C-alpha atoms as a PDB file:
ATOM      1  CA  MET A   1      14.082  46.318  25.865  1.00  0.00           C
ATOM      2  CA  THR A   2      16.340  48.779  24.164  1.00  0.00           C
ATOM      3  CA  THR A   3      17.393  52.032  25.473  1.00  0.00           C
ATOM      4  CA  ILE A   4      19.422  54.823  24.242  1.00  0.00           C
ATOM      5  CA  GLY A   5      21.330  57.159  26.839  1.00  0.00           C
ATOM      6  CA  ARG A   6      21.204  60.938  26.373  1.00  0.00           C
ATOM      7  CA  ASN A   7      22.742  62.864  28.814  1.00  0.00           C
ATOM      8  CA  ASN A   8      22.126  60.155  31.726  1.00  0.00           C
ATOM      9  CA  LYS A   9      18.462  59.911  30.613  1.00  0.00           C
ATOM     10  CA  CYS A  10      16.896  56.758  28.977  1.00  0.00           C
ATOM     11  CA  ILE A  11      14.658  56.667  26.207  1.00  0.00           C
ATOM     12  CA  ILE A  12      12.404  53.358  25.601  1.00  0.00           C
ATOM     13  CA  ASN A  13      11.983  52.053  22.308  1.00  0.00           C
ATOM     14  CA  LYS A  14       8.367  51.576  22.378  1.00  0.00           C
ATOM     15  CA  PRO A  15       7.828  49.229  19.667  1.00  0.00           C
ATOM     16  CA  LEU A  16      10.457  46.789  20.825  1.00  0.00           C
ATOM     17  CA  LEU A  17       8.972  46.852  24.306  1.00  0.00           C
ATOM     18  CA  LEU A  18       5.318  45.870  23.276  1.00  0.00           C
ATOM     19  CA  SER A  19       6.760  43.192  20.750  1.00  0.00           C
ATOM     20  CA  SER A  20       8.719  41.907  24.009  1.00  0.00           C
ATOM     21  CA  MET A  21       5.549  41.666  25.628  1.00  0.00           C
ATOM     22  CA  ALA A  22       3.892  39.878  23.204  1.00  0.00           C
ATOM     23  CA  LEU A  23       6.258  37.671  22.801  1.00  0.00           C
ATOM     24  CA  ILE A  24       6.398  36.714  26.813  1.00  0.00           C
ATOM     25  CA  PHE A  25       2.672  36.524  26.380  1.00  0.00           C
ATOM     26  CA  PHE A  26       2.429  33.978  23.618  1.00  0.00           C
ATOM     27  CA  THR A  27       5.551  32.364  25.361  1.00  0.00           C
ATOM     28  CA  TRP A  28       3.499  31.721  28.375  1.00  0.00           C
ATOM     29  CA  PHE A  29       0.000  31.192  27.886  1.00  0.00           C
ATOM     30  CA  LEU A  30      -0.179  29.666  24.177  1.00  0.00           C
ATOM     31  CA  ILE A  31       2.651  27.160  24.174  1.00  0.00           C
ATOM     32  CA  PRO A  32       1.434  25.411  27.063  1.00  0.00           C
ATOM     33  CA  VAL A  33      -1.898  25.054  25.110  1.00  0.00           C
ATOM     34  CA  SER A  34      -0.296  22.997  22.601  1.00  0.00           C
ATOM     35  CA  GLN A  35       1.046  20.989  24.878  1.00  0.00           C
ATOM     36  CA  ALA A  36      -1.583  20.077  26.859  1.00  0.00           C
ATOM     37  CA  SER A  37      -3.098  18.585  23.897  1.00  0.00           C
ATOM     38  CA  ALA A  38      -0.652  15.946  23.433  1.00  0.00           C
ATOM     39  CA  GLU A  39      -1.794  12.370  23.528  1.00  0.00           C
ATOM     40  CA  THR A  40      -0.070   9.534  25.273  1.00  0.00           C
ATOM     41  CA  ARG A  41      -0.744   5.911  24.169  1.00  0.00           C
ATOM     42  CA  LYS A  42       0.863   2.817  25.268  1.00  0.00           C
ATOM     43  CA  PHE A  43       1.183  -0.393  23.718  1.00  0.00           C
ATOM     44  CA  LYS A  44       2.974  -3.775  23.260  1.00  0.00           C
ATOM     45  CA  VAL A  45       5.269  -4.935  20.469  1.00  0.00           C
ATOM     46  CA  ASN A  46       6.090  -8.650  19.992  1.00  0.00           C
ATOM     47  CA  ASN A  47       8.601  -9.065  17.226  1.00  0.00           C
ATOM     48  CA  GLN A  48      11.426 -11.401  16.111  1.00  0.00           C
ATOM     49  CA  ILE A  49      14.548 -11.245  13.965  1.00  0.00           C
ATOM     50  CA  THR A  50      13.761 -11.767  10.226  1.00  0.00           C
ATOM     51  CA  ARG A  51      17.272 -10.654   9.352  1.00  0.00           C
ATOM     52  CA  PHE A  52      20.378 -10.592  11.037  1.00  0.00           C
ATOM     53  CA  GLU A  53      24.299 -10.126   9.840  1.00  0.00           C
ATOM     54  CA  TYR A  54      27.326  -9.158  12.053  1.00  0.00           C
ATOM     55  CA  ILE A  55      30.845  -9.246  11.962  1.00  0.00           C
ATOM     56  CA  PRO A  56      33.333  -9.740  14.722  1.00  0.00           C
ATOM     57  CA  ILE A  57      35.468  -6.645  16.003  1.00  0.00           C
ATOM     58  CA  LEU A  58      38.492  -8.842  16.993  1.00  0.00           C
ATOM     59  CA  ASP A  59      39.527  -6.711  20.369  1.00  0.00           C
ATOM     60  CA  THR A  60      37.939  -9.181  22.786  1.00  0.00           C
ATOM     61  CA  PRO A  61      36.054 -12.347  22.020  1.00  0.00           C
ATOM     62  CA  GLY A  62      32.461 -12.254  21.395  1.00  0.00           C
ATOM     63  CA  HIS A  63      32.387  -8.278  20.556  1.00  0.00           C
ATOM     64  CA  ILE A  64      30.423  -7.996  17.423  1.00  0.00           C
ATOM     65  CA  VAL A  65      28.673  -5.089  15.388  1.00  0.00           C
ATOM     66  CA  GLY A  66      25.734  -5.892  13.113  1.00  0.00           C
ATOM     67  CA  LEU A  67      22.528  -5.232  11.156  1.00  0.00           C
ATOM     68  CA  PHE A  68      19.314  -6.336  12.005  1.00  0.00           C
ATOM     69  CA  GLU A  69      15.857  -6.249  10.849  1.00  0.00           C
ATOM     70  CA  ARG A  70      12.779  -7.305  13.200  1.00  0.00           C
ATOM     71  CA  GLN A  71       9.061  -7.451  12.316  1.00  0.00           C
ATOM     72  CA  GLY A  72       6.074  -8.163  14.409  1.00  0.00           C
ATOM     73  CA  GLU A  73       2.536  -7.175  15.660  1.00  0.00           C
ATOM     74  CA  VAL A  74       1.853  -4.241  17.654  1.00  0.00           C
ATOM     75  CA  LEU A  75      -1.359  -4.057  19.946  1.00  0.00           C
ATOM     76  CA  PHE A  76      -2.230  -0.842  21.628  1.00  0.00           C
ATOM     77  CA  GLU A  77      -4.301  -0.277  25.072  1.00  0.00           C
ATOM     78  CA  ASP A  78      -7.394   0.797  22.935  1.00  0.00           C
ATOM     79  CA  GLY A  79      -7.312  -2.532  21.007  1.00  0.00           C
ATOM     80  CA  GLU A  80      -5.953  -1.082  17.852  1.00  0.00           C
ATOM     81  CA  LYS A  81      -3.250  -3.289  15.753  1.00  0.00           C
ATOM     82  CA  ALA A  82      -0.323  -2.279  13.582  1.00  0.00           C
ATOM     83  CA  LYS A  83       2.363  -4.095  11.985  1.00  0.00           C
ATOM     84  CA  GLN A  84       6.161  -3.087  12.653  1.00  0.00           C
ATOM     85  CA  ILE A  85       9.426  -3.282  10.637  1.00  0.00           C
ATOM     86  CA  LEU A  86      12.248  -2.345  12.972  1.00  0.00           C
ATOM     87  CA  ARG A  87      15.818  -2.257  11.208  1.00  0.00           C
ATOM     88  CA  GLY A  88      19.014  -0.871  12.634  1.00  0.00           C
ATOM     89  CA  THR A  89      22.391  -1.870  14.222  1.00  0.00           C
ATOM     90  CA  ILE A  90      23.896  -2.988  17.354  1.00  0.00           C
ATOM     91  CA  ASP A  91      27.256  -3.147  18.830  1.00  0.00           C
ATOM     92  CA  PHE A  92      27.525  -6.201  21.506  1.00  0.00           C
ATOM     93  CA  ASN A  93      30.197  -6.632  23.777  1.00  0.00           C
ATOM     94  CA  ARG A  94      30.430  -8.985  26.779  1.00  0.00           C
ATOM     95  CA  GLY A  95      26.767  -9.253  27.774  1.00  0.00           C
ATOM     96  CA  LYS A  96      25.602  -5.781  27.153  1.00  0.00           C
ATOM     97  CA  GLY A  97      25.155  -3.498  23.991  1.00  0.00           C
ATOM     98  CA  THR A  98      23.560  -0.798  22.107  1.00  0.00           C
ATOM     99  CA  PHE A  99      21.142  -0.406  19.405  1.00  0.00           C
ATOM    100  CA  GLN A 100      19.770   2.529  17.021  1.00  0.00           C
ATOM    101  CA  GLY A 101      17.261   1.791  14.119  1.00  0.00           C
ATOM    102  CA  TYR A 102      14.268   2.915  12.943  1.00  0.00           C
ATOM    103  CA  SER A 103      10.879   1.855  13.779  1.00  0.00           C
ATOM    104  CA  LEU A 104       7.824   1.925  10.937  1.00  0.00           C
ATOM    105  CA  PHE A 105       4.387   1.337  12.145  1.00  0.00           C
ATOM    106  CA  THR A 106       1.984   0.141   9.245  1.00  0.00           C
ATOM    107  CA  PHE A 107      -1.958   0.563  10.638  1.00  0.00           C
ATOM    108  CA  ASP A 108      -4.729  -0.812   9.158  1.00  0.00           C
ATOM    109  CA  ASP A 109      -6.177   2.158   7.347  1.00  0.00           C
ATOM    110  CA  GLY A 110      -2.869   2.554   5.634  1.00  0.00           C
ATOM    111  CA  SER A 111      -1.592   5.276   8.122  1.00  0.00           C
ATOM    112  CA  THR A 112       1.993   5.102   9.377  1.00  0.00           C
ATOM    113  CA  THR A 113       4.523   6.395  11.741  1.00  0.00           C
ATOM    114  CA  ILE A 114       8.626   6.334  11.580  1.00  0.00           C
ATOM    115  CA  ALA A 115      10.418   6.918  14.862  1.00  0.00           C
ATOM    116  CA  ARG A 116      14.290   6.826  15.106  1.00  0.00           C
ATOM    117  CA  VAL A 117      15.163   4.852  18.337  1.00  0.00           C
ATOM    118  CA  GLU A 118      17.856   4.017  20.243  1.00  0.00           C
ATOM    119  CA  GLY A 119      18.931   2.340  23.687  1.00  0.00           C
ATOM    120  CA  LYS A 120      20.875  -0.320  25.452  1.00  0.00           C
ATOM    121  CA  PHE A 121      20.399  -4.171  26.133  1.00  0.00           C
ATOM    122  CA  GLU A 122      22.184  -6.617  28.281  1.00  0.00           C
ATOM    123  CA  ILE A 123      21.883 -10.153  29.831  1.00  0.00           C
ATOM    124  CA  PRO A 124      21.310  -9.822  33.402  1.00  0.00           C
ATOM    125  CA  PRO A 125      23.450 -12.095  35.740  1.00  0.00           C
ATOM    126  CA  GLY A 126      22.289 -15.404  36.081  1.00  0.00           C
ATOM    127  CA  GLU A 127      19.833 -15.084  32.842  1.00  0.00           C
ATOM    128  CA  LYS A 128      20.404 -16.197  29.262  1.00  0.00           C
ATOM    129  CA  LEU A 129      18.659 -13.505  27.455  1.00  0.00           C
ATOM    130  CA  PRO A 130      18.777  -9.687  27.211  1.00  0.00           C
ATOM    131  CA  VAL A 131      16.356  -6.981  28.548  1.00  0.00           C
ATOM    132  CA  THR A 132      16.281  -3.990  26.604  1.00  0.00           C
ATOM    133  CA  GLU A 133      15.568  -0.280  27.035  1.00  0.00           C
ATOM    134  CA  GLY A 134      15.590   2.754  25.335  1.00  0.00           C
ATOM    135  CA  LYS A 135      13.726   5.897  23.659  1.00  0.00           C
ATOM    136  CA  GLY A 136      12.591   7.279  20.471  1.00  0.00           C
ATOM    137  CA  LYS A 137      11.672  10.353  18.521  1.00  0.00           C
ATOM    138  CA  TYR A 138       8.985  10.397  15.785  1.00  0.00           C
ATOM    139  CA  ILE A 139      10.288  11.683  12.481  1.00  0.00           C
ATOM    140  CA  LYS A 140       7.727  11.240  10.093  1.00  0.00           C
ATOM    141  CA  GLY A 141       4.064  10.210   9.997  1.00  0.00           C
ATOM    142  CA  THR A 142       1.356   9.534   6.972  1.00  0.00           C
ATOM    143  CA  GLY A 143      -2.344   9.627   6.673  1.00  0.00           C
ATOM    144  CA  ARG A 144      -3.768  10.581  10.179  1.00  0.00           C
ATOM    145  CA  PHE A 145      -0.458  10.600  11.595  1.00  0.00           C
ATOM    146  CA  HIS A 146       0.846  13.226   9.177  1.00  0.00           C
ATOM    147  CA  GLY A 147       2.666  15.706  11.183  1.00  0.00           C
ATOM    148  CA  ILE A 148       3.348  13.709  14.062  1.00  0.00           C
ATOM    149  CA  GLU A 149       5.924  15.076  16.558  1.00  0.00           C
ATOM    150  CA  GLY A 150       6.653  13.140  19.961  1.00  0.00           C
ATOM    151  CA  THR A 151       8.807  10.565  21.896  1.00  0.00           C
ATOM    152  CA  LEU A 152       8.842   7.246  22.928  1.00  0.00           C
ATOM    153  CA  SER A 153      10.065   5.100  25.863  1.00  0.00           C
ATOM    154  CA  LEU A 154      10.574   1.508  25.389  1.00  0.00           C
ATOM    155  CA  LYS A 155      11.305  -1.558  28.040  1.00  0.00           C
ATOM    156  CA  GLY A 156      11.506  -5.197  27.297  1.00  0.00           C
ATOM    157  CA  LYS A 157      12.697  -8.517  27.228  1.00  0.00           C
ATOM    158  CA  GLN A 158      13.851 -11.327  24.872  1.00  0.00           C
ATOM    159  CA  THR A 159      11.754 -14.311  24.963  1.00  0.00           C
ATOM    160  CA  LYS A 160      13.720 -16.686  23.150  1.00  0.00           C
ATOM    161  CA  PRO A 161      17.189 -17.254  22.115  1.00  0.00           C
ATOM    162  CA  TYR A 162      18.332 -16.767  18.481  1.00  0.00           C
ATOM    163  CA  GLY A 163      19.600 -19.635  16.571  1.00  0.00           C
ATOM    164  CA  GLY A 164      18.179 -22.660  15.154  1.00  0.00           C
ATOM    165  CA  GLU A 165      14.404 -22.913  15.209  1.00  0.00           C
ATOM    166  CA  TYR A 166      14.008 -19.587  17.493  1.00  0.00           C
ATOM    167  CA  LYS A 167      14.365 -16.031  15.769  1.00  0.00           C
ATOM    168  CA  GLY A 168      14.970 -14.284  18.926  1.00  0.00           C
ATOM    169  CA  ASP A 169      11.472 -13.221  19.746  1.00  0.00           C
ATOM    170  CA  GLN A 170      10.964 -10.078  22.085  1.00  0.00           C
ATOM    171  CA  LYS A 171       8.431  -8.479  23.745  1.00  0.00           C
ATOM    172  CA  ILE A 172       8.360  -4.719  24.445  1.00  0.00           C
ATOM    173  CA  ASP A 173       6.255  -2.122  26.502  1.00  0.00           C
ATOM    174  CA  VAL A 174       6.073   1.280  24.730  1.00  0.00           C
ATOM    175  CA  THR A 175       4.813   4.435  26.009  1.00  0.00           C
ATOM    176  CA  ALA A 176       4.234   7.369  23.366  1.00  0.00           C
ATOM    177  CA  THR A 177       3.364  11.000  23.815  1.00  0.00           C
ATOM    178  CA  TYR A 178       2.855  12.751  20.655  1.00  0.00           C
ATOM    179  CA  THR A 179       0.972  15.767  18.995  1.00  0.00           C
ATOM    180  CA  LEU A 180      -0.618  16.107  15.691  1.00  0.00           C
ATOM    181  CA  PRO A 181      -1.426  19.319  13.745  1.00  0.00           C
ATOM    182  CA  GLY A 182      -4.722  20.748  14.289  1.00  0.00           C
ATOM    183  CA  LYS A 183      -5.338  19.027  17.456  1.00  0.00           C
END
């Protein structure tokens, strides 16, 4: 609210007051309506490493940075299926590491989503394979997902090692919360 002082009297700028009240109304009453229409979907991702290149850092034995690609299947709770390609980077040292990358889902109808994901992974004491935890944010969608906005949370475990006949198979549980334009 803008006030102008004149001889210890205040004059209220009425158009600015009305605009401020309208902004408060829209913020309190209309924005929560759009948030209420957010959709939450749970799904499982089963993927494996299809490409992996790394280089040692040389500060400690076993410290590497690398590029990877994982491909696999996605199964939603409602039975819908999609294909996944996840491409990213890792920094791994002493049984722990971080990752970041981009996950592309392609659905049977040709629609796609792309999310930027990041997180951490570690090999728990007494185990041989890592567990993963992370989060993501949708950055693009096509087809029925055009204009998607939202976030993801993920937890998972590698079920087979990487090397020889095994491709580092992994199972991830994901919860996505998103909105689409016009919903």
